[in-house]
Amino acid sequence: GISEMYVKKGATLNFTMIHNWAEQIGVRPRTVIKVEEGG
């Protein structure tokens, strides 16, 4: 899972992630967030 998130000037992002997989599943998220002035 690739996630790219942009929080601009004075903005707010609340992000909740819940994982509930299975015993033989591999999980490789790759996430980068950019937060600007006052964000």
All heavy atoms as atom14 arrays in JSON, in Angstrom:
{
  "sequence": "GISEMYVKKGATLNFTMIHNWAEQIGVRPRTVIKVEEGG",
  "atom14_mask": [
    [1, 1, 1, 1, 0, 0, 0, 0, 0, 0, 0, 0, 0, 0],
    [1, 1, 1, 1, 1, 1, 1, 1, 0, 0, 0, 0, 0, 0],
    [1, 1, 1, 1, 1, 1, 0, 0, 0, 0, 0, 0, 0, 0],
    [1, 1, 1, 1, 1, 1, 1, 1, 1, 0, 0, 0, 0, 0],
    [1, 1, 1, 1, 1, 1, 1, 1, 0, 0, 0, 0, 0, 0],
    [1, 1, 1, 1, 1, 1, 1, 1, 1, 1, 1, 1, 0, 0],
    [1, 1, 1, 1, 1, 1, 1, 0, 0, 0, 0, 0, 0, 0],
    [1, 1, 1, 1, 1, 1, 1, 1, 1, 0, 0, 0, 0, 0],
    [1, 1, 1, 1, 1, 1, 1, 1, 1, 0, 0, 0, 0, 0],
    [1, 1, 1, 1, 0, 0, 0, 0, 0, 0, 0, 0, 0, 0],
    [1, 1, 1, 1, 1, 0, 0, 0, 0, 0, 0, 0, 0, 0],
    [1, 1, 1, 1, 1, 1, 1, 0, 0, 0, 0, 0, 0, 0],
    [1, 1, 1, 1, 1, 1, 1, 1, 0, 0, 0, 0, 0, 0],
    [1, 1, 1, 1, 1, 1, 1, 1, 0, 0, 0, 0, 0, 0],
    [1, 1, 1, 1, 1, 1, 1, 1, 1, 1, 1, 0, 0, 0],
    [1, 1, 1, 1, 1, 1, 1, 0, 0, 0, 0, 0, 0, 0],
    [1, 1, 1, 1, 1, 1, 1, 1, 0, 0, 0, 0, 0, 0],
    [1, 1, 1, 1, 1, 1, 1, 1, 0, 0, 0, 0, 0, 0],
    [1, 1, 1, 1, 1, 1, 1, 1, 1, 1, 0, 0, 0, 0],
    [1, 1, 1, 1, 1, 1, 1, 1, 0, 0, 0, 0, 0, 0],
    [1, 1, 1, 1, 1, 1, 1, 1, 1, 1, 1, 1, 1, 1],
    [1, 1, 1, 1, 1, 0, 0, 0, 0, 0, 0, 0, 0, 0],
    [1, 1, 1, 1, 1, 1, 1, 1, 1, 0, 0, 0, 0, 0],
    [1, 1, 1, 1, 1, 1, 1, 1, 1, 0, 0, 0, 0, 0],
    [1, 1, 1, 1, 1, 1, 1, 1, 0, 0, 0, 0, 0, 0],
    [1, 1, 1, 1, 0, 0, 0, 0, 0, 0, 0, 0, 0, 0],
    [1, 1, 1, 1, 1, 1, 1, 0, 0, 0, 0, 0, 0, 0],
    [1, 1, 1, 1, 1, 1, 1, 1, 1, 1, 1, 0, 0, 0],
    [1, 1, 1, 1, 1, 1, 1, 0, 0, 0, 0, 0, 0, 0],
    [1, 1, 1, 1, 1, 1, 1, 1, 1, 1, 1, 0, 0, 0],
    [1, 1, 1, 1, 1, 1, 1, 0, 0, 0, 0, 0, 0, 0],
    [1, 1, 1, 1, 1, 1, 1, 0, 0, 0, 0, 0, 0, 0],
    [1, 1, 1, 1, 1, 1, 1, 1, 0, 0, 0, 0, 0, 0],
    [1, 1, 1, 1, 1, 1, 1, 1, 1, 0, 0, 0, 0, 0],
    [1, 1, 1, 1, 1, 1, 1, 0, 0, 0, 0, 0, 0, 0],
    [1, 1, 1, 1, 1, 1, 1, 1, 1, 0, 0, 0, 0, 0],
    [1, 1, 1, 1, 1, 1, 1, 1, 1, 0, 0, 0, 0, 0],
    [1, 1, 1, 1, 0, 0, 0, 0, 0, 0, 0, 0, 0, 0],
    [1, 1, 1, 1, 0, 0, 0, 0, 0, 0, 0, 0, 0, 0]
  ],
  "atom14_positions": [
    [[0.81, -1.21, 0.0], [0.0, 0.0, 0.0], [0.85, 1.26, 0.0], [1.62, 1.5, 0.93], [0.0, 0.0, 0.0], [0.0, 0.0, 0.0], [0.0, 0.0, 0.0], [0.0, 0.0, 0.0], [0.0, 0.0, 0.0], [0.0, 0.0, 0.0], [0.0, 0.0, 0.0], [0.0, 0.0, 0.0], [0.0, 0.0, 0.0], [0.0, 0.0, 0.0]],
    [[0.7, 2.07, -1.04], [1.43, 3.34, -1.15], [0.45, 4.47, -0.86], [-0.6, 4.56, -1.48], [2.02, 3.53, -2.57], [2.81, 2.29, -3.0], [2.87, 4.8, -2.62], [3.94, 1.9, -2.09], [0.0, 0.0, 0.0], [0.0, 0.0, 0.0], [0.0, 0.0, 0.0], [0.0, 0.0, 0.0], [0.0, 0.0, 0.0], [0.0, 0.0, 0.0]],
    [[0.81, 5.34, 0.07], [-0.04, 6.49, 0.4], [0.78, 7.76, 0.41], [1.83, 7.83, 1.07], [-0.7, 6.29, 1.77], [-1.58, 5.18, 1.76], [0.0, 0.0, 0.0], [0.0, 0.0, 0.0], [0.0, 0.0, 0.0], [0.0, 0.0, 0.0], [0.0, 0.0, 0.0], [0.0, 0.0, 0.0], [0.0, 0.0, 0.0], [0.0, 0.0, 0.0]],
    [[0.28, 8.76, -0.33], [0.92, 10.08, -0.39], [-0.12, 11.1, 0.07], [-1.21, 11.2, -0.5], [1.39, 10.39, -1.81], [2.38, 9.35, -2.33], [2.86, 9.63, -3.73], [2.05, 9.45, -4.68], [4.03, 10.02, -3.9], [0.0, 0.0, 0.0], [0.0, 0.0, 0.0], [0.0, 0.0, 0.0], [0.0, 0.0, 0.0], [0.0, 0.0, 0.0]],
    [[0.22, 11.84, 1.12], [-0.75, 12.74, 1.74], [-0.18, 14.15, 1.81], [0.97, 14.35, 2.24], [-1.13, 12.24, 3.13], [-1.69, 10.83, 3.13], [-2.25, 10.31, 4.75], [-2.65, 8.58, 4.42], [0.0, 0.0, 0.0], [0.0, 0.0, 0.0], [0.0, 0.0, 0.0], [0.0, 0.0, 0.0], [0.0, 0.0, 0.0], [0.0, 0.0, 0.0]],
    [[-1.01, 15.12, 1.44], [-0.61, 16.52, 1.4], [-1.53, 17.34, 2.3], [-2.75, 17.38, 2.08], [-0.68, 17.06, -0.02], [0.26, 16.36, -0.99], [-0.11, 15.17, -1.61], [1.5, 16.9, -1.29], [0.74, 14.53, -2.5], [2.37, 16.27, -2.18], [1.98, 15.09, -2.78], [2.83, 14.46, -3.66], [0.0, 0.0, 0.0], [0.0, 0.0, 0.0]],
    [[-0.95, 17.96, 3.32], [-1.7, 18.81, 4.24], [-1.23, 20.24, 4.0], [-0.11, 20.61, 4.36], [-1.48, 18.39, 5.71], [-2.31, 19.26, 6.65], [-1.82, 16.91, 5.9], [0.0, 0.0, 0.0], [0.0, 0.0, 0.0], [0.0, 0.0, 0.0], [0.0, 0.0, 0.0], [0.0, 0.0, 0.0], [0.0, 0.0, 0.0], [0.0, 0.0, 0.0]],
    [[-2.08, 21.04, 3.38], [-1.68, 22.39, 2.98], [-1.72, 23.37, 4.16], [-2.05, 23.02, 5.29], [-2.59, 22.87, 1.84], [-2.54, 21.99, 0.58], [-1.18, 22.02, -0.08], [-1.18, 21.26, -1.41], [-1.95, 21.94, -2.46], [0.0, 0.0, 0.0], [0.0, 0.0, 0.0], [0.0, 0.0, 0.0], [0.0, 0.0, 0.0], [0.0, 0.0, 0.0]],
    [[-1.41, 24.63, 3.88], [-1.3, 25.68, 4.89], [-2.57, 25.75, 5.76], [-3.68, 25.89, 5.25], [-1.06, 27.02, 4.21], [-0.89, 28.19, 5.17], [-0.62, 29.47, 4.39], [-0.46, 30.67, 5.33], [-0.2, 31.93, 4.57], [0.0, 0.0, 0.0], [0.0, 0.0, 0.0], [0.0, 0.0, 0.0], [0.0, 0.0, 0.0], [0.0, 0.0, 0.0]],
    [[-2.38, 25.62, 7.08], [-3.48, 25.75, 8.02], [-4.51, 24.64, 7.96], [-5.58, 24.74, 8.58], [0.0, 0.0, 0.0], [0.0, 0.0, 0.0], [0.0, 0.0, 0.0], [0.0, 0.0, 0.0], [0.0, 0.0, 0.0], [0.0, 0.0, 0.0], [0.0, 0.0, 0.0], [0.0, 0.0, 0.0], [0.0, 0.0, 0.0], [0.0, 0.0, 0.0]],
    [[-4.22, 23.56, 7.26], [-5.17, 22.45, 7.12], [-4.94, 21.39, 8.21], [-3.89, 21.37, 8.87], [-5.05, 21.82, 5.74], [0.0, 0.0, 0.0], [0.0, 0.0, 0.0], [0.0, 0.0, 0.0], [0.0, 0.0, 0.0], [0.0, 0.0, 0.0], [0.0, 0.0, 0.0], [0.0, 0.0, 0.0], [0.0, 0.0, 0.0], [0.0, 0.0, 0.0]],
    [[-5.93, 20.5, 8.37], [-5.85, 19.43, 9.37], [-6.29, 18.11, 8.76], [-7.33, 18.03, 8.11], [-6.75, 19.74, 10.58], [-6.31, 20.95, 11.2], [-6.68, 18.61, 11.61], [0.0, 0.0, 0.0], [0.0, 0.0, 0.0], [0.0, 0.0, 0.0], [0.0, 0.0, 0.0], [0.0, 0.0, 0.0], [0.0, 0.0, 0.0], [0.0, 0.0, 0.0]],
    [[-5.5, 17.07, 9.0], [-5.85, 15.72, 8.57], [-5.7, 14.78, 9.76], [-4.62, 14.66, 10.34], [-4.95, 15.26, 7.42], [-5.1, 13.8, 6.97], [-6.52, 13.48, 6.56], [-4.12, 13.47, 5.84], [0.0, 0.0, 0.0], [0.0, 0.0, 0.0], [0.0, 0.0, 0.0], [0.0, 0.0, 0.0], [0.0, 0.0, 0.0], [0.0, 0.0, 0.0]],
    [[-6.82, 14.12, 10.12], [-6.81, 13.07, 11.13], [-6.99, 11.74, 10.42], [-8.01, 11.51, 9.75], [-7.95, 13.28, 12.14], [-7.73, 14.51, 13.0], [-6.74, 14.62, 13.7], [-8.67, 15.45, 12.93], [0.0, 0.0, 0.0], [0.0, 0.0, 0.0], [0.0, 0.0, 0.0], [0.0, 0.0, 0.0], [0.0, 0.0, 0.0], [0.0, 0.0, 0.0]],
    [[-6.01, 10.85, 10.56], [-6.0, 9.6, 9.8], [-5.88, 8.42, 10.75], [-4.92, 8.33, 11.53], [-4.82, 9.61, 8.82], [-4.72, 8.39, 7.96], [-5.54, 8.23, 6.86], [-3.79, 7.4, 8.25], [-5.45, 7.09, 6.05], [-3.69, 6.26, 7.46], [-4.52, 6.11, 6.36], [0.0, 0.0, 0.0], [0.0, 0.0, 0.0], [0.0, 0.0, 0.0]],
    [[-6.86, 7.53, 10.71], [-6.85, 6.33, 11.55], [-6.83, 5.1, 10.66], [-7.66, 4.95, 9.77], [-8.08, 6.29, 12.47], [-8.03, 7.4, 13.38], [-8.11, 5.0, 13.28], [0.0, 0.0, 0.0], [0.0, 0.0, 0.0], [0.0, 0.0, 0.0], [0.0, 0.0, 0.0], [0.0, 0.0, 0.0], [0.0, 0.0, 0.0], [0.0, 0.0, 0.0]],
    [[-5.87, 4.2, 10.9], [-5.75, 2.96, 10.14], [-5.83, 1.77, 11.08], [-5.1, 1.7, 12.07], [-4.44, 2.91, 9.35], [-4.2, 1.59, 8.63], [-2.67, 1.58, 7.66], [-3.19, 2.52, 6.23], [0.0, 0.0, 0.0], [0.0, 0.0, 0.0], [0.0, 0.0, 0.0], [0.0, 0.0, 0.0], [0.0, 0.0, 0.0], [0.0, 0.0, 0.0]],
    [[-6.74, 0.83, 10.75], [-6.9, -0.38, 11.55], [-6.55, -1.58, 10.69], [-7.11, -1.77, 9.62], [-8.34, -0.51, 12.09], [-8.72, 0.7, 12.95], [-8.48, -1.79, 12.92], [-9.63, 1.68, 12.28], [0.0, 0.0, 0.0], [0.0, 0.0, 0.0], [0.0, 0.0, 0.0], [0.0, 0.0, 0.0], [0.0, 0.0, 0.0], [0.0, 0.0, 0.0]],
    [[-5.61, -2.39, 11.17], [-5.22, -3.63, 10.47], [-5.81, -4.84, 11.18], [-5.71, -4.96, 12.4], [-3.7, -3.76, 10.45], [-3.05, -2.98, 9.36], [-1.7, -3.05, 9.08], [-3.56, -2.12, 8.45], [-1.41, -2.25, 8.07], [-2.51, -1.68, 7.67], [0.0, 0.0, 0.0], [0.0, 0.0, 0.0], [0.0, 0.0, 0.0], [0.0, 0.0, 0.0]],
    [[-6.42, -5.73, 10.4], [-6.93, -7.0, 10.94], [-6.78, -8.04, 9.83], [-7.72, -8.32, 9.08], [-8.39, -6.85, 11.37], [-8.92, -8.12, 12.03], [-8.18, -9.08, 12.24], [-10.2, -8.12, 12.36], [0.0, 0.0, 0.0], [0.0, 0.0, 0.0], [0.0, 0.0, 0.0], [0.0, 0.0, 0.0], [0.0, 0.0, 0.0], [0.0, 0.0, 0.0]],
    [[-5.58, -8.59, 9.69], [-5.27, -9.46, 8.57], [-5.46, -10.92, 8.94], [-6.41, -11.29, 9.58], [-3.84, -9.17, 8.08], [-3.65, -7.79, 7.54], [-3.03, -6.74, 8.15], [-4.08, -7.29, 6.26], [-3.05, -5.61, 7.34], [-3.69, -5.93, 6.18], [-4.76, -7.85, 5.18], [-3.95, -5.14, 5.06], [-5.02, -7.05, 4.07], [-4.63, -5.73, 4.02]],
    [[-4.55, -11.78, 8.53], [-4.57, -13.2, 8.85], [-3.15, -13.66, 9.11], [-2.18, -12.95, 8.82], [-5.21, -14.01, 7.71], [0.0, 0.0, 0.0], [0.0, 0.0, 0.0], [0.0, 0.0, 0.0], [0.0, 0.0, 0.0], [0.0, 0.0, 0.0], [0.0, 0.0, 0.0], [0.0, 0.0, 0.0], [0.0, 0.0, 0.0], [0.0, 0.0, 0.0]],
    [[-3.01, -14.87, 9.63], [-1.73, -15.3, 10.19], [-0.59, -15.44, 9.18], [0.57, -15.42, 9.56], [-1.92, -16.62, 10.95], [-2.79, -16.45, 12.19], [-2.91, -17.72, 12.99], [-2.19, -18.7, 12.67], [-3.7, -17.75, 13.95], [0.0, 0.0, 0.0], [0.0, 0.0, 0.0], [0.0, 0.0, 0.0], [0.0, 0.0, 0.0], [0.0, 0.0, 0.0]],
    [[-0.89, -15.57, 7.9], [0.16, -15.74, 6.9], [0.15, -14.62, 5.85], [0.54, -14.83, 4.71], [0.03, -17.1, 6.22], [0.37, -18.27, 7.13], [1.79, -18.18, 7.66], [2.73, -17.88, 6.92], [1.95, -18.45, 8.95], [0.0, 0.0, 0.0], [0.0, 0.0, 0.0], [0.0, 0.0, 0.0], [0.0, 0.0, 0.0], [0.0, 0.0, 0.0]],
    [[-0.28, -13.44, 6.24], [-0.31, -12.3, 5.32], [0.85, -11.35, 5.62], [1.13, -11.04, 6.78], [-1.65, -11.55, 5.41], [-2.77, -12.44, 4.82], [-1.61, -10.22, 4.66], [-4.15, -11.83, 4.86], [0.0, 0.0, 0.0], [0.0, 0.0, 0.0], [0.0, 0.0, 0.0], [0.0, 0.0, 0.0], [0.0, 0.0, 0.0], [0.0, 0.0, 0.0]],
    [[1.53, -10.93, 4.57], [2.6, -9.94, 4.69], [2.05, -8.55, 4.32], [1.27, -8.42, 3.37], [0.0, 0.0, 0.0], [0.0, 0.0, 0.0], [0.0, 0.0, 0.0], [0.0, 0.0, 0.0], [0.0, 0.0, 0.0], [0.0, 0.0, 0.0], [0.0, 0.0, 0.0], [0.0, 0.0, 0.0], [0.0, 0.0, 0.0], [0.0, 0.0, 0.0]],
    [[2.47, -7.55, 5.06], [1.91, -6.2, 4.89], [3.07, -5.21, 4.78], [3.92, -5.12, 5.66], [1.01, -5.84, 6.09], [0.33, -4.49, 5.85], [-0.04, -6.93, 6.32], [0.0, 0.0, 0.0], [0.0, 0.0, 0.0], [0.0, 0.0, 0.0], [0.0, 0.0, 0.0], [0.0, 0.0, 0.0], [0.0, 0.0, 0.0], [0.0, 0.0, 0.0]],
    [[3.07, -4.46, 3.66], [4.16, -3.52, 3.4], [3.62, -2.15, 2.96], [3.66, -1.79, 1.81], [5.09, -4.1, 2.31], [5.85, -5.36, 2.74], [6.83, -5.04, 3.85], [7.6, -6.2, 4.29], [7.28, -6.97, 5.32], [6.17, -6.73, 6.01], [8.06, -7.97, 5.69], [0.0, 0.0, 0.0], [0.0, 0.0, 0.0], [0.0, 0.0, 0.0]],
    [[3.1, -1.36, 3.92], [2.68, 0.01, 3.58], [3.91, 0.92, 3.42], [4.92, 0.74, 4.09], [1.85, 0.44, 4.79], [1.69, -0.78, 5.64], [2.83, -1.68, 5.31], [0.0, 0.0, 0.0], [0.0, 0.0, 0.0], [0.0, 0.0, 0.0], [0.0, 0.0, 0.0], [0.0, 0.0, 0.0], [0.0, 0.0, 0.0], [0.0, 0.0, 0.0]],
    [[3.78, 1.88, 2.53], [4.82, 2.89, 2.33], [4.1, 4.26, 2.27], [3.38, 4.54, 1.33], [5.6, 2.64, 1.04], [6.31, 1.27, 1.0], [7.45, 1.24, 1.99], [8.2, -0.01, 1.98], [8.06, -0.97, 2.88], [7.17, -0.85, 3.86], [8.82, -2.06, 2.82], [0.0, 0.0, 0.0], [0.0, 0.0, 0.0], [0.0, 0.0, 0.0]],
    [[4.31, 5.07, 3.31], [3.52, 6.3, 3.47], [4.42, 7.49, 3.74], [5.32, 7.42, 4.59], [2.53, 6.15, 4.64], [1.69, 5.01, 4.42], [1.67, 7.39, 4.8], [0.0, 0.0, 0.0], [0.0, 0.0, 0.0], [0.0, 0.0, 0.0], [0.0, 0.0, 0.0], [0.0, 0.0, 0.0], [0.0, 0.0, 0.0], [0.0, 0.0, 0.0]],
    [[4.17, 8.59, 3.01], [4.86, 9.86, 3.27], [3.81, 10.97, 3.3], [2.91, 11.01, 2.46], [5.94, 10.18, 2.21], [6.62, 11.51, 2.52], [6.98, 9.05, 2.15], [0.0, 0.0, 0.0], [0.0, 0.0, 0.0], [0.0, 0.0, 0.0], [0.0, 0.0, 0.0], [0.0, 0.0, 0.0], [0.0, 0.0, 0.0], [0.0, 0.0, 0.0]],
    [[3.95, 11.86, 4.27], [3.02, 12.97, 4.45], [3.79, 14.28, 4.43], [4.83, 14.4, 5.09], [2.27, 12.85, 5.8], [1.56, 11.49, 5.9], [1.26, 14.0, 5.95], [2.36, 10.44, 6.65], [0.0, 0.0, 0.0], [0.0, 0.0, 0.0], [0.0, 0.0, 0.0], [0.0, 0.0, 0.0], [0.0, 0.0, 0.0], [0.0, 0.0, 0.0]],
    [[3.3, 15.25, 3.68], [3.89, 16.58, 3.63], [2.94, 17.56, 4.31], [1.78, 17.68, 3.93], [4.15, 17.01, 2.19], [4.74, 18.41, 2.05], [4.91, 18.79, 0.59], [5.44, 20.22, 0.44], [5.59, 20.6, -1.0], [0.0, 0.0, 0.0], [0.0, 0.0, 0.0], [0.0, 0.0, 0.0], [0.0, 0.0, 0.0], [0.0, 0.0, 0.0]],
    [[3.44, 18.28, 5.34], [2.62, 19.22, 6.09], [3.19, 20.62, 5.92], [4.35, 20.88, 6.25], [2.56, 18.85, 7.59], [1.56, 19.77, 8.31], [2.17, 17.39, 7.78], [0.0, 0.0, 0.0], [0.0, 0.0, 0.0], [0.0, 0.0, 0.0], [0.0, 0.0, 0.0], [0.0, 0.0, 0.0], [0.0, 0.0, 0.0], [0.0, 0.0, 0.0]],
    [[2.36, 21.52, 5.41], [2.81, 22.89, 5.16], [2.56, 23.79, 6.37], [2.12, 23.34, 7.43], [2.1, 23.43, 3.91], [2.46, 22.67, 2.64], [1.83, 23.24, 1.39], [1.18, 24.32, 1.48], [1.96, 22.63, 0.31], [0.0, 0.0, 0.0], [0.0, 0.0, 0.0], [0.0, 0.0, 0.0], [0.0, 0.0, 0.0], [0.0, 0.0, 0.0]],
    [[2.82, 25.07, 6.22], [2.78, 26.05, 7.3], [1.47, 25.99, 8.1], [0.38, 26.06, 7.54], [2.94, 27.46, 6.71], [2.9, 28.58, 7.74], [2.99, 29.96, 7.1], [3.32, 30.03, 5.89], [2.72, 30.94, 7.78], [0.0, 0.0, 0.0], [0.0, 0.0, 0.0], [0.0, 0.0, 0.0], [0.0, 0.0, 0.0], [0.0, 0.0, 0.0]],
    [[1.61, 25.82, 9.42], [0.45, 25.82, 10.3], [-0.47, 24.61, 10.15], [-1.54, 24.57, 10.76], [0.0, 0.0, 0.0], [0.0, 0.0, 0.0], [0.0, 0.0, 0.0], [0.0, 0.0, 0.0], [0.0, 0.0, 0.0], [0.0, 0.0, 0.0], [0.0, 0.0, 0.0], [0.0, 0.0, 0.0], [0.0, 0.0, 0.0], [0.0, 0.0, 0.0]],
    [[-0.05, 23.63, 9.37], [-0.87, 22.43, 9.16], [-0.7, 21.43, 10.3], [0.29, 21.46, 11.04], [0.0, 0.0, 0.0], [0.0, 0.0, 0.0], [0.0, 0.0, 0.0], [0.0, 0.0, 0.0], [0.0, 0.0, 0.0], [0.0, 0.0, 0.0], [0.0, 0.0, 0.0], [0.0, 0.0, 0.0], [0.0, 0.0, 0.0], [0.0, 0.0, 0.0]]
  ]
}
